[in-house]
N, C-alpha and C. Protein backbone atom coordinates (compact mmCIF):
# COMPACT_ATOMS: atom_id res chain seq x y z
N GLN A 1 45.58 73.49 86.58
CA GLN A 1 46.85 72.97 87.04
C GLN A 1 46.67 72.34 88.41
N ARG A 2 47.19 71.10 88.56
CA ARG A 2 47.11 70.39 89.82
C ARG A 2 48.38 70.68 90.62
N SER A 3 48.27 70.66 91.92
CA SER A 3 49.44 70.86 92.78
C SER A 3 49.79 69.54 93.42
N CYS A 4 51.08 69.29 93.56
CA CYS A 4 51.55 68.09 94.25
C CYS A 4 52.93 68.40 94.82
N ASP A 5 53.41 67.53 95.68
CA ASP A 5 54.73 67.71 96.25
C ASP A 5 55.77 67.69 95.15
N ALA A 6 56.96 68.20 95.46
CA ALA A 6 58.03 68.23 94.47
C ALA A 6 58.33 66.82 93.96
N MET A 7 58.54 66.72 92.66
CA MET A 7 58.84 65.43 92.06
C MET A 7 60.20 64.94 92.55
N PRO A 8 60.38 63.62 92.71
CA PRO A 8 61.70 63.09 93.06
C PRO A 8 62.72 63.45 91.98
N LEU A 9 63.98 63.42 92.34
CA LEU A 9 65.03 63.87 91.43
C LEU A 9 65.59 62.78 90.54
N ALA A 10 65.27 61.52 90.83
CA ALA A 10 65.83 60.41 90.07
C ALA A 10 65.06 60.22 88.78
N GLU A 11 65.33 61.10 87.82
CA GLU A 11 64.61 61.06 86.55
C GLU A 11 65.53 60.54 85.46
N GLN A 12 64.95 59.90 84.47
CA GLN A 12 65.71 59.46 83.30
C GLN A 12 64.81 59.51 82.08
N ILE A 13 65.42 59.77 80.92
CA ILE A 13 64.69 59.81 79.67
C ILE A 13 64.94 58.51 78.93
N VAL A 14 63.87 57.85 78.55
CA VAL A 14 63.94 56.57 77.85
C VAL A 14 63.43 56.76 76.42
N GLN A 15 64.21 56.30 75.45
CA GLN A 15 63.78 56.34 74.06
C GLN A 15 62.97 55.08 73.75
N VAL A 16 61.77 55.28 73.25
CA VAL A 16 60.89 54.16 72.93
C VAL A 16 60.51 54.24 71.46
N ALA A 17 60.77 53.16 70.73
CA ALA A 17 60.42 53.12 69.31
C ALA A 17 58.92 52.89 69.15
N VAL A 18 58.32 53.65 68.26
CA VAL A 18 56.91 53.48 67.89
C VAL A 18 56.89 52.82 66.52
N PRO A 19 56.27 51.64 66.39
CA PRO A 19 56.28 50.94 65.10
C PRO A 19 55.87 51.82 63.93
N GLY A 20 56.80 51.98 62.98
CA GLY A 20 56.53 52.74 61.78
C GLY A 20 56.46 54.24 61.96
N SER A 21 56.89 54.75 63.14
CA SER A 21 56.69 56.19 63.38
C SER A 21 57.75 56.79 64.29
N GLY A 22 58.99 56.38 64.15
CA GLY A 22 60.06 57.03 64.90
C GLY A 22 60.08 56.66 66.37
N GLN A 23 60.44 57.64 67.22
CA GLN A 23 60.65 57.39 68.64
C GLN A 23 59.96 58.43 69.49
N LEU A 24 59.73 58.04 70.74
CA LEU A 24 59.27 58.96 71.77
C LEU A 24 60.33 59.06 72.85
N GLN A 25 60.44 60.24 73.44
CA GLN A 25 61.34 60.45 74.58
C GLN A 25 60.47 60.49 75.83
N VAL A 26 60.55 59.46 76.65
CA VAL A 26 59.65 59.32 77.78
C VAL A 26 60.42 59.46 79.08
N GLN A 27 60.00 60.42 79.89
CA GLN A 27 60.63 60.60 81.20
C GLN A 27 60.04 59.62 82.21
N GLU A 28 60.93 58.85 82.85
CA GLU A 28 60.56 58.01 83.97
C GLU A 28 61.08 58.64 85.25
N VAL A 29 60.43 58.36 86.35
CA VAL A 29 60.85 58.91 87.64
C VAL A 29 60.97 57.76 88.63
N GLU A 30 62.18 57.53 89.11
CA GLU A 30 62.41 56.51 90.12
C GLU A 30 61.93 57.01 91.48
N ASP A 31 61.73 56.07 92.41
CA ASP A 31 61.32 56.41 93.78
C ASP A 31 60.04 57.24 93.80
N ALA A 32 59.15 56.93 92.86
CA ALA A 32 57.86 57.62 92.74
C ALA A 32 56.80 56.54 92.56
N PRO A 33 55.53 56.91 92.49
CA PRO A 33 54.49 55.91 92.24
C PRO A 33 54.79 55.08 90.99
N THR A 34 54.27 53.85 90.95
CA THR A 34 54.61 52.91 89.89
C THR A 34 54.28 53.44 88.50
N GLY A 35 53.28 54.30 88.39
CA GLY A 35 52.89 54.83 87.09
C GLY A 35 53.90 55.76 86.46
N CYS A 36 54.95 56.14 87.19
CA CYS A 36 55.99 56.99 86.63
C CYS A 36 57.05 56.19 85.89
N LEU A 37 56.84 54.88 85.75
CA LEU A 37 57.75 54.01 85.02
C LEU A 37 57.01 53.40 83.83
N ILE A 38 57.77 53.05 82.79
CA ILE A 38 57.19 52.33 81.65
C ILE A 38 57.15 50.85 81.99
N TRP A 39 55.99 50.25 81.88
CA TRP A 39 55.84 48.83 82.18
C TRP A 39 55.67 48.05 80.88
N PRO A 40 56.14 46.78 80.87
CA PRO A 40 56.11 46.00 79.62
C PRO A 40 54.75 45.91 78.96
N ALA A 41 53.68 45.87 79.73
CA ALA A 41 52.35 45.74 79.12
C ALA A 41 52.02 46.93 78.23
N ALA A 42 52.47 48.13 78.59
CA ALA A 42 52.21 49.30 77.76
C ALA A 42 52.94 49.17 76.41
N ARG A 43 54.17 48.71 76.46
CA ARG A 43 54.92 48.50 75.21
C ARG A 43 54.23 47.45 74.35
N ALA A 44 53.83 46.35 74.99
CA ALA A 44 53.21 45.24 74.25
C ALA A 44 51.89 45.67 73.62
N LEU A 45 51.07 46.41 74.37
CA LEU A 45 49.78 46.83 73.82
C LEU A 45 49.98 47.86 72.71
N LEU A 46 50.96 48.73 72.84
CA LEU A 46 51.25 49.69 71.78
C LEU A 46 51.61 48.95 70.50
N HIS A 47 52.45 47.94 70.59
CA HIS A 47 52.84 47.18 69.41
C HIS A 47 51.64 46.45 68.82
N TRP A 48 50.83 45.85 69.69
CA TRP A 48 49.67 45.06 69.23
C TRP A 48 48.65 45.94 68.52
N LEU A 49 48.51 47.18 68.97
CA LEU A 49 47.52 48.09 68.39
C LEU A 49 48.05 48.86 67.16
N THR A 50 49.36 48.88 66.99
CA THR A 50 49.91 49.62 65.85
C THR A 50 50.44 48.70 64.75
N ALA A 51 50.98 47.55 65.12
CA ALA A 51 51.60 46.66 64.13
C ALA A 51 51.05 45.24 64.19
N GLY A 52 50.12 44.98 65.10
CA GLY A 52 49.57 43.65 65.25
C GLY A 52 48.10 43.59 64.91
N PRO A 53 47.43 42.50 65.30
CA PRO A 53 46.00 42.33 64.97
C PRO A 53 45.11 43.43 65.52
N GLY A 54 45.52 44.08 66.58
CA GLY A 54 44.69 45.11 67.19
C GLY A 54 44.50 46.34 66.35
N LYS A 55 45.31 46.50 65.31
CA LYS A 55 45.19 47.71 64.49
C LYS A 55 43.88 47.74 63.71
N GLU A 56 43.15 46.61 63.67
CA GLU A 56 41.87 46.56 62.96
C GLU A 56 40.71 46.96 63.86
N LEU A 57 40.95 47.24 65.14
CA LEU A 57 39.86 47.49 66.07
C LEU A 57 39.24 48.87 65.95
N PHE A 58 39.99 49.83 65.41
CA PHE A 58 39.48 51.19 65.28
C PHE A 58 40.21 51.90 64.16
N GLY A 59 39.59 52.97 63.66
CA GLY A 59 40.15 53.69 62.54
C GLY A 59 40.95 54.90 62.96
N PRO A 60 41.62 55.54 62.01
CA PRO A 60 42.50 56.68 62.33
C PRO A 60 41.76 57.92 62.81
N ASP A 61 40.47 57.98 62.62
CA ASP A 61 39.69 59.14 63.08
C ASP A 61 39.08 58.91 64.46
N SER A 62 39.46 57.84 65.12
CA SER A 62 38.84 57.46 66.39
C SER A 62 39.34 58.29 67.56
N THR A 63 38.50 58.36 68.59
CA THR A 63 38.87 58.93 69.88
C THR A 63 38.86 57.80 70.90
N LEU A 64 39.95 57.66 71.64
CA LEU A 64 40.07 56.61 72.64
C LEU A 64 40.13 57.21 74.03
N LEU A 65 39.80 56.39 75.00
CA LEU A 65 39.96 56.74 76.42
C LEU A 65 40.89 55.71 77.04
N GLU A 66 42.01 56.17 77.58
CA GLU A 66 42.94 55.27 78.26
C GLU A 66 42.80 55.43 79.77
N LEU A 67 42.62 54.32 80.46
CA LEU A 67 42.56 54.32 81.92
C LEU A 67 43.94 54.01 82.49
N GLY A 68 44.34 54.77 83.51
CA GLY A 68 45.65 54.54 84.12
C GLY A 68 46.78 54.74 83.14
N ALA A 69 46.84 55.93 82.54
CA ALA A 69 47.73 56.17 81.40
C ALA A 69 49.21 56.24 81.77
N GLY A 70 49.54 56.37 83.05
CA GLY A 70 50.95 56.30 83.47
C GLY A 70 51.82 57.36 82.84
N THR A 71 52.88 56.93 82.18
CA THR A 71 53.81 57.88 81.55
C THR A 71 53.25 58.53 80.31
N GLY A 72 52.14 58.01 79.79
CA GLY A 72 51.58 58.53 78.55
C GLY A 72 52.09 57.84 77.30
N LEU A 73 52.95 56.83 77.47
CA LEU A 73 53.57 56.16 76.33
C LEU A 73 52.53 55.61 75.35
N LEU A 74 51.57 54.86 75.85
CA LEU A 74 50.60 54.22 74.95
C LEU A 74 49.78 55.26 74.19
N ALA A 75 49.27 56.25 74.89
CA ALA A 75 48.47 57.29 74.23
C ALA A 75 49.29 58.05 73.19
N MET A 76 50.49 58.45 73.55
CA MET A 76 51.34 59.19 72.63
C MET A 76 51.72 58.34 71.42
N GLY A 77 52.05 57.08 71.67
CA GLY A 77 52.44 56.20 70.57
C GLY A 77 51.33 55.98 69.57
N LEU A 78 50.11 55.81 70.07
CA LEU A 78 48.99 55.57 69.17
C LEU A 78 48.70 56.79 68.30
N THR A 79 48.77 57.97 68.88
CA THR A 79 48.49 59.16 68.07
C THR A 79 49.67 59.48 67.15
N GLN A 80 50.89 59.27 67.61
CA GLN A 80 52.05 59.55 66.75
C GLN A 80 52.06 58.62 65.54
N ALA A 81 51.62 57.38 65.74
CA ALA A 81 51.58 56.42 64.65
C ALA A 81 50.38 56.64 63.73
N GLY A 82 49.53 57.61 64.05
CA GLY A 82 48.37 57.89 63.22
C GLY A 82 47.26 56.87 63.37
N ARG A 83 47.27 56.13 64.48
CA ARG A 83 46.25 55.10 64.67
C ARG A 83 44.93 55.69 65.15
N CYS A 84 44.97 56.87 65.75
CA CYS A 84 43.75 57.53 66.20
C CYS A 84 44.00 59.03 66.24
N THR A 85 42.90 59.79 66.35
CA THR A 85 43.02 61.24 66.34
C THR A 85 43.28 61.80 67.73
N ARG A 86 42.57 61.25 68.74
CA ARG A 86 42.69 61.76 70.10
C ARG A 86 42.69 60.62 71.10
N VAL A 87 43.42 60.81 72.19
CA VAL A 87 43.32 59.92 73.33
C VAL A 87 43.14 60.78 74.58
N PHE A 88 42.07 60.53 75.31
CA PHE A 88 41.91 61.12 76.63
C PHE A 88 42.61 60.19 77.61
N ALA A 89 43.71 60.66 78.17
CA ALA A 89 44.59 59.83 78.99
C ALA A 89 44.30 60.09 80.46
N ALA A 90 43.58 59.17 81.10
CA ALA A 90 43.14 59.35 82.48
C ALA A 90 44.15 58.76 83.45
N GLU A 91 44.45 59.53 84.49
CA GLU A 91 45.40 59.10 85.53
C GLU A 91 44.96 59.70 86.85
N GLY A 92 45.09 58.92 87.95
CA GLY A 92 44.56 59.36 89.23
C GLY A 92 45.56 59.61 90.33
N ASP A 93 46.84 59.66 89.99
CA ASP A 93 47.87 59.97 90.98
C ASP A 93 48.53 61.29 90.59
N ASP A 94 48.71 62.18 91.55
CA ASP A 94 49.22 63.52 91.25
C ASP A 94 50.60 63.49 90.60
N TRP A 95 51.53 62.75 91.19
CA TRP A 95 52.88 62.69 90.63
C TRP A 95 52.86 62.11 89.22
N VAL A 96 52.13 61.01 89.07
CA VAL A 96 52.07 60.35 87.76
C VAL A 96 51.43 61.28 86.74
N PHE A 97 50.37 61.95 87.13
CA PHE A 97 49.68 62.87 86.23
C PHE A 97 50.62 63.98 85.75
N GLU A 98 51.37 64.57 86.67
CA GLU A 98 52.29 65.65 86.29
C GLU A 98 53.40 65.14 85.38
N ASN A 99 53.90 63.93 85.64
CA ASN A 99 54.94 63.37 84.78
C ASN A 99 54.39 63.07 83.39
N MET A 100 53.16 62.53 83.33
CA MET A 100 52.54 62.28 82.04
C MET A 100 52.35 63.58 81.27
N ARG A 101 51.89 64.61 81.94
CA ARG A 101 51.68 65.89 81.26
C ARG A 101 53.00 66.43 80.72
N PHE A 102 54.08 66.28 81.49
CA PHE A 102 55.39 66.68 81.01
C PHE A 102 55.75 65.93 79.73
N ASN A 103 55.54 64.61 79.72
CA ASN A 103 55.89 63.81 78.56
C ASN A 103 55.07 64.20 77.34
N VAL A 104 53.79 64.43 77.54
CA VAL A 104 52.92 64.81 76.42
C VAL A 104 53.39 66.12 75.80
N GLU A 105 53.71 67.09 76.62
CA GLU A 105 54.17 68.39 76.11
C GLU A 105 55.55 68.28 75.49
N ALA A 106 56.45 67.53 76.14
CA ALA A 106 57.82 67.42 75.64
C ALA A 106 57.89 66.72 74.29
N ASN A 107 56.93 65.85 74.00
CA ASN A 107 56.92 65.13 72.73
C ASN A 107 56.01 65.78 71.68
N GLY A 108 55.49 66.96 72.01
CA GLY A 108 54.67 67.68 71.05
C GLY A 108 53.34 66.99 70.75
N CYS A 109 52.81 66.30 71.73
CA CYS A 109 51.57 65.53 71.53
C CYS A 109 50.34 66.19 72.14
N ALA A 110 50.47 67.41 72.63
CA ALA A 110 49.39 68.02 73.42
C ALA A 110 48.11 68.24 72.63
N SER A 111 48.19 68.32 71.31
CA SER A 111 46.98 68.53 70.53
C SER A 111 46.20 67.24 70.29
N HIS A 112 46.83 66.11 70.60
CA HIS A 112 46.17 64.82 70.35
C HIS A 112 46.00 63.98 71.61
N VAL A 113 46.84 64.19 72.60
CA VAL A 113 46.74 63.45 73.87
C VAL A 113 46.33 64.44 74.95
N LEU A 114 45.19 64.19 75.57
CA LEU A 114 44.64 65.13 76.56
C LEU A 114 44.63 64.47 77.93
N PRO A 115 45.58 64.83 78.80
CA PRO A 115 45.63 64.26 80.15
C PRO A 115 44.40 64.68 80.96
N ILE A 116 43.79 63.71 81.62
CA ILE A 116 42.61 63.94 82.45
C ILE A 116 42.87 63.31 83.82
N PHE A 117 42.67 64.08 84.89
CA PHE A 117 42.86 63.52 86.21
C PHE A 117 41.58 62.79 86.62
N TRP A 118 41.72 61.49 86.90
CA TRP A 118 40.59 60.68 87.33
C TRP A 118 41.06 59.59 88.30
N ASP A 119 40.73 59.75 89.55
CA ASP A 119 40.98 58.73 90.57
C ASP A 119 39.64 58.03 90.83
N TRP A 120 39.43 56.91 90.17
CA TRP A 120 38.12 56.25 90.26
C TRP A 120 37.88 55.61 91.63
N GLU A 121 38.92 55.52 92.45
CA GLU A 121 38.71 55.01 93.81
C GLU A 121 38.05 56.07 94.70
N LYS A 122 38.19 57.34 94.32
CA LYS A 122 37.59 58.43 95.08
C LYS A 122 36.34 58.99 94.40
N ASN A 123 36.34 59.00 93.09
CA ASN A 123 35.19 59.50 92.33
C ASN A 123 34.93 58.54 91.19
N ILE A 124 33.94 57.70 91.36
CA ILE A 124 33.75 56.58 90.45
C ILE A 124 33.22 56.99 89.09
N GLU A 125 32.64 58.15 88.98
CA GLU A 125 32.10 58.60 87.70
C GLU A 125 33.18 59.29 86.87
N ALA A 126 33.10 59.09 85.56
CA ALA A 126 34.08 59.69 84.66
C ALA A 126 34.00 61.21 84.71
N PRO A 127 35.14 61.89 84.66
CA PRO A 127 35.14 63.36 84.68
C PRO A 127 34.36 63.93 83.50
N PRO A 128 33.70 65.04 83.71
CA PRO A 128 32.88 65.63 82.64
C PRO A 128 33.70 66.13 81.44
N GLU A 129 35.02 66.30 81.63
CA GLU A 129 35.85 66.77 80.51
C GLU A 129 35.98 65.73 79.41
N ILE A 130 35.64 64.48 79.71
CA ILE A 130 35.76 63.42 78.71
C ILE A 130 34.47 63.35 77.90
N PRO A 131 34.52 63.60 76.60
CA PRO A 131 33.31 63.51 75.77
C PRO A 131 32.99 62.04 75.46
N LEU A 132 32.27 61.41 76.34
CA LEU A 132 32.03 59.97 76.21
C LEU A 132 31.34 59.62 74.90
N GLU A 133 30.56 60.53 74.36
CA GLU A 133 29.86 60.26 73.11
C GLU A 133 30.80 60.10 71.93
N ASP A 134 32.05 60.55 72.08
CA ASP A 134 33.02 60.45 70.99
C ASP A 134 33.92 59.22 71.11
N VAL A 135 33.90 58.55 72.24
CA VAL A 135 34.86 57.47 72.51
C VAL A 135 34.50 56.21 71.72
N SER A 136 35.48 55.69 70.99
CA SER A 136 35.29 54.46 70.20
C SER A 136 35.77 53.22 70.95
N LEU A 137 36.73 53.38 71.84
CA LEU A 137 37.30 52.24 72.55
C LEU A 137 37.94 52.74 73.84
N VAL A 138 37.80 51.95 74.90
CA VAL A 138 38.48 52.21 76.17
C VAL A 138 39.65 51.24 76.25
N ILE A 139 40.82 51.74 76.60
CA ILE A 139 42.00 50.90 76.67
C ILE A 139 42.70 51.08 78.02
N GLY A 140 43.56 50.14 78.35
CA GLY A 140 44.35 50.24 79.58
C GLY A 140 45.36 49.12 79.62
N SER A 141 46.50 49.38 80.25
CA SER A 141 47.53 48.35 80.38
C SER A 141 48.08 48.36 81.80
N ASP A 142 48.20 47.15 82.35
CA ASP A 142 48.84 46.98 83.67
C ASP A 142 48.17 47.84 84.75
N ILE A 143 46.85 47.83 84.79
CA ILE A 143 46.14 48.65 85.77
C ILE A 143 45.51 47.82 86.87
N VAL A 144 45.89 46.54 86.93
CA VAL A 144 45.45 45.68 88.03
C VAL A 144 46.68 45.25 88.81
N PHE A 145 46.83 45.82 90.00
CA PHE A 145 48.00 45.55 90.83
C PHE A 145 47.57 45.77 92.27
N GLY A 146 47.15 44.69 92.93
CA GLY A 146 46.45 44.80 94.19
C GLY A 146 47.14 45.54 95.31
N ARG A 147 48.45 45.59 95.28
CA ARG A 147 49.15 46.31 96.35
C ARG A 147 48.99 47.82 96.22
N TYR A 148 48.58 48.28 95.04
CA TYR A 148 48.46 49.71 94.81
C TYR A 148 47.07 50.15 94.39
N TYR A 149 46.33 49.27 93.73
CA TYR A 149 45.03 49.64 93.19
C TYR A 149 43.97 48.67 93.70
N ALA A 150 42.73 49.10 93.70
CA ALA A 150 41.62 48.29 94.17
C ALA A 150 40.86 47.74 92.97
N GLU A 151 40.87 46.41 92.83
CA GLU A 151 40.24 45.79 91.67
C GLU A 151 38.74 46.05 91.63
N ALA A 152 38.09 45.99 92.78
CA ALA A 152 36.63 46.15 92.81
C ALA A 152 36.21 47.53 92.32
N GLU A 153 36.94 48.57 92.73
CA GLU A 153 36.59 49.93 92.30
C GLU A 153 36.81 50.11 90.81
N LEU A 154 37.87 49.52 90.29
CA LEU A 154 38.11 49.61 88.85
C LEU A 154 36.99 48.94 88.08
N ALA A 155 36.58 47.75 88.51
CA ALA A 155 35.51 47.05 87.82
C ALA A 155 34.21 47.84 87.88
N ARG A 156 33.92 48.43 89.03
CA ARG A 156 32.70 49.22 89.18
C ARG A 156 32.74 50.46 88.29
N ALA A 157 33.88 51.15 88.26
CA ALA A 157 34.01 52.33 87.42
C ALA A 157 33.88 51.96 85.94
N LEU A 158 34.46 50.85 85.56
CA LEU A 158 34.38 50.40 84.17
C LEU A 158 32.95 50.03 83.80
N SER A 159 32.25 49.40 84.72
CA SER A 159 30.85 49.04 84.47
C SER A 159 29.99 50.29 84.26
N LEU A 160 30.15 51.27 85.13
CA LEU A 160 29.38 52.52 85.00
C LEU A 160 29.76 53.26 83.72
N LEU A 161 31.04 53.24 83.39
CA LEU A 161 31.51 53.94 82.19
C LEU A 161 30.87 53.35 80.94
N LEU A 162 30.94 52.04 80.79
CA LEU A 162 30.44 51.40 79.57
C LEU A 162 28.91 51.45 79.49
N ALA A 163 28.26 51.58 80.63
CA ALA A 163 26.79 51.65 80.64
C ALA A 163 26.26 53.07 80.54
N ASP A 164 27.16 54.05 80.55
CA ASP A 164 26.73 55.44 80.50
C ASP A 164 25.95 55.70 79.21
N LYS A 165 24.84 56.40 79.32
CA LYS A 165 23.98 56.65 78.17
C LYS A 165 24.65 57.49 77.10
N ARG A 166 25.71 58.22 77.48
CA ARG A 166 26.41 59.03 76.49
C ARG A 166 27.33 58.21 75.61
N MET A 167 27.69 57.02 76.05
CA MET A 167 28.59 56.16 75.27
C MET A 167 27.87 55.58 74.07
N ARG A 168 28.59 55.42 72.98
CA ARG A 168 28.03 54.78 71.80
C ARG A 168 27.69 53.32 72.12
N GLU A 169 26.69 52.83 71.45
CA GLU A 169 26.31 51.44 71.65
C GLU A 169 27.43 50.51 71.18
N GLY A 170 27.76 49.54 72.00
CA GLY A 170 28.75 48.54 71.62
C GLY A 170 30.19 48.87 71.94
N VAL A 171 30.46 50.03 72.55
CA VAL A 171 31.84 50.36 72.91
C VAL A 171 32.35 49.37 73.95
N GLN A 172 33.57 48.90 73.75
CA GLN A 172 34.16 47.91 74.63
C GLN A 172 35.44 48.45 75.25
N ALA A 173 35.96 47.70 76.22
CA ALA A 173 37.23 48.03 76.85
C ALA A 173 38.24 46.93 76.51
N LEU A 174 39.43 47.34 76.14
CA LEU A 174 40.52 46.42 75.84
C LEU A 174 41.62 46.65 76.86
N LEU A 175 41.85 45.67 77.71
CA LEU A 175 42.85 45.80 78.78
C LEU A 175 43.90 44.71 78.63
N LEU A 176 45.15 45.09 78.72
CA LEU A 176 46.25 44.13 78.77
C LEU A 176 46.76 44.11 80.21
N LEU A 177 46.55 42.99 80.88
CA LEU A 177 46.83 42.91 82.31
C LEU A 177 47.96 41.94 82.58
N ALA A 178 48.81 42.29 83.53
CA ALA A 178 49.90 41.41 83.97
C ALA A 178 49.68 41.10 85.45
N ASP A 179 49.68 39.82 85.80
CA ASP A 179 49.46 39.46 87.19
C ASP A 179 50.78 39.45 87.95
N ARG A 180 50.68 39.57 89.27
CA ARG A 180 51.86 39.60 90.13
C ARG A 180 51.60 38.81 91.39
N ALA A 181 52.66 38.33 91.99
CA ALA A 181 52.53 37.59 93.25
C ALA A 181 52.14 38.54 94.38
N LYS A 182 51.55 37.98 95.43
CA LYS A 182 51.13 38.79 96.57
C LYS A 182 52.32 39.46 97.24
N ASP A 183 53.46 38.76 97.29
CA ASP A 183 54.69 39.33 97.84
C ASP A 183 55.85 38.53 97.28
N SER A 184 57.06 38.89 97.67
CA SER A 184 58.26 38.29 97.08
C SER A 184 58.42 36.82 97.40
N THR A 185 57.73 36.32 98.41
CA THR A 185 57.86 34.91 98.78
C THR A 185 56.63 34.09 98.41
N SER A 186 55.65 34.72 97.80
CA SER A 186 54.38 34.05 97.55
C SER A 186 54.33 33.42 96.16
N ALA A 187 53.64 32.30 96.06
CA ALA A 187 53.40 31.65 94.77
C ALA A 187 51.99 31.94 94.28
N GLU A 188 51.27 32.81 94.97
CA GLU A 188 49.90 33.17 94.59
C GLU A 188 49.92 34.41 93.69
N PHE A 189 49.11 34.34 92.62
CA PHE A 189 48.96 35.46 91.69
C PHE A 189 47.47 35.79 91.62
N PRO A 190 46.96 36.54 92.59
CA PRO A 190 45.52 36.65 92.76
C PRO A 190 44.83 37.85 92.11
N TYR A 191 45.59 38.81 91.63
CA TYR A 191 44.98 40.11 91.36
C TYR A 191 44.11 40.14 90.11
N VAL A 192 44.57 39.54 89.02
CA VAL A 192 43.76 39.54 87.80
C VAL A 192 42.48 38.74 88.02
N ALA A 193 42.58 37.60 88.70
CA ALA A 193 41.38 36.80 88.99
C ALA A 193 40.41 37.59 89.85
N SER A 194 40.92 38.33 90.81
CA SER A 194 40.08 39.15 91.66
C SER A 194 39.36 40.23 90.84
N PHE A 195 40.08 40.84 89.91
CA PHE A 195 39.47 41.85 89.06
C PHE A 195 38.39 41.24 88.17
N LEU A 196 38.66 40.09 87.58
CA LEU A 196 37.68 39.45 86.70
C LEU A 196 36.44 39.03 87.48
N ASN A 197 36.63 38.57 88.70
CA ASN A 197 35.48 38.25 89.55
C ASN A 197 34.65 39.50 89.83
N ALA A 198 35.35 40.62 90.07
CA ALA A 198 34.64 41.88 90.30
C ALA A 198 33.90 42.33 89.04
N CYS A 199 34.48 42.06 87.87
CA CYS A 199 33.78 42.37 86.62
C CYS A 199 32.49 41.59 86.52
N THR A 200 32.55 40.31 86.86
CA THR A 200 31.35 39.47 86.83
C THR A 200 30.30 40.00 87.81
N ASP A 201 30.76 40.41 88.98
CA ASP A 201 29.83 40.96 89.99
C ASP A 201 29.14 42.23 89.49
N ASN A 202 29.81 42.95 88.58
CA ASN A 202 29.25 44.19 88.04
C ASN A 202 28.63 44.00 86.66
N ALA A 203 28.28 42.75 86.36
CA ALA A 203 27.58 42.41 85.11
C ALA A 203 28.38 42.74 83.86
N LEU A 204 29.70 42.68 83.95
CA LEU A 204 30.55 42.87 82.79
C LEU A 204 30.93 41.52 82.21
N LEU A 205 30.78 41.35 80.93
CA LEU A 205 31.20 40.14 80.25
C LEU A 205 32.63 40.36 79.73
N TYR A 206 33.46 39.34 79.83
CA TYR A 206 34.83 39.48 79.35
C TYR A 206 35.25 38.22 78.61
N ARG A 207 36.24 38.41 77.76
CA ARG A 207 36.85 37.28 77.05
C ARG A 207 38.32 37.57 76.86
N GLU A 208 39.11 36.54 76.80
CA GLU A 208 40.55 36.68 76.61
C GLU A 208 40.88 36.64 75.13
N LEU A 209 41.78 37.49 74.72
CA LEU A 209 42.25 37.54 73.33
C LEU A 209 43.69 37.04 73.28
N PRO A 210 44.05 36.30 72.24
CA PRO A 210 45.45 35.88 72.10
C PRO A 210 46.33 37.08 71.79
N LEU A 211 47.47 37.16 72.45
CA LEU A 211 48.40 38.26 72.23
C LEU A 211 49.51 37.76 71.33
N SER A 212 49.38 38.01 70.04
CA SER A 212 50.36 37.55 69.08
C SER A 212 51.68 38.27 69.26
N THR A 213 52.78 37.57 69.02
CA THR A 213 54.10 38.19 69.11
C THR A 213 54.56 38.69 67.73
N ASP A 214 53.71 38.54 66.71
CA ASP A 214 54.09 39.00 65.37
C ASP A 214 54.15 40.52 65.29
């Protein structure tokens, strides 16, 4: 059990539909770190992996690793829809981690979604609790946001993760990223480009996939 300051009181429960598998009740926390809210990229990636072209990327017996799991929506949705057996849901903020753990338990997903605390900015190596030899795919949504996260550290952690000898040969990472302006008055959207440059610096090859709205 991790300790953190008392959670803020501005909580709300959001009902989120899982394609073909009912609903999840997800607690969001206002006035808390950004990961305590559901962001559009998580919804979009959940739909793409359950009802879109992404459903062909892995089988129902797969184990996934999610980076920056936030509220736990994506991990819970994938397991509830029967798209995979287990998701190790990694999160590196205390408040966000506790909120995710609450959501996992409240939705009865604890046997399939395993919250793991991992702040890759402080400890770049994956926690030993994650059985890397079982992981079929690494996923993440909306985890590049320069005002809160460091793109270079994420790229370095991802490079070390995918190169780890315990990982199966050919395992890839699928990230759905949303860019943002530097501030409310800026026309610059630098964060995704900065992350991709850091990926190149760490010998990671990347390609963009079309995100179908079907």
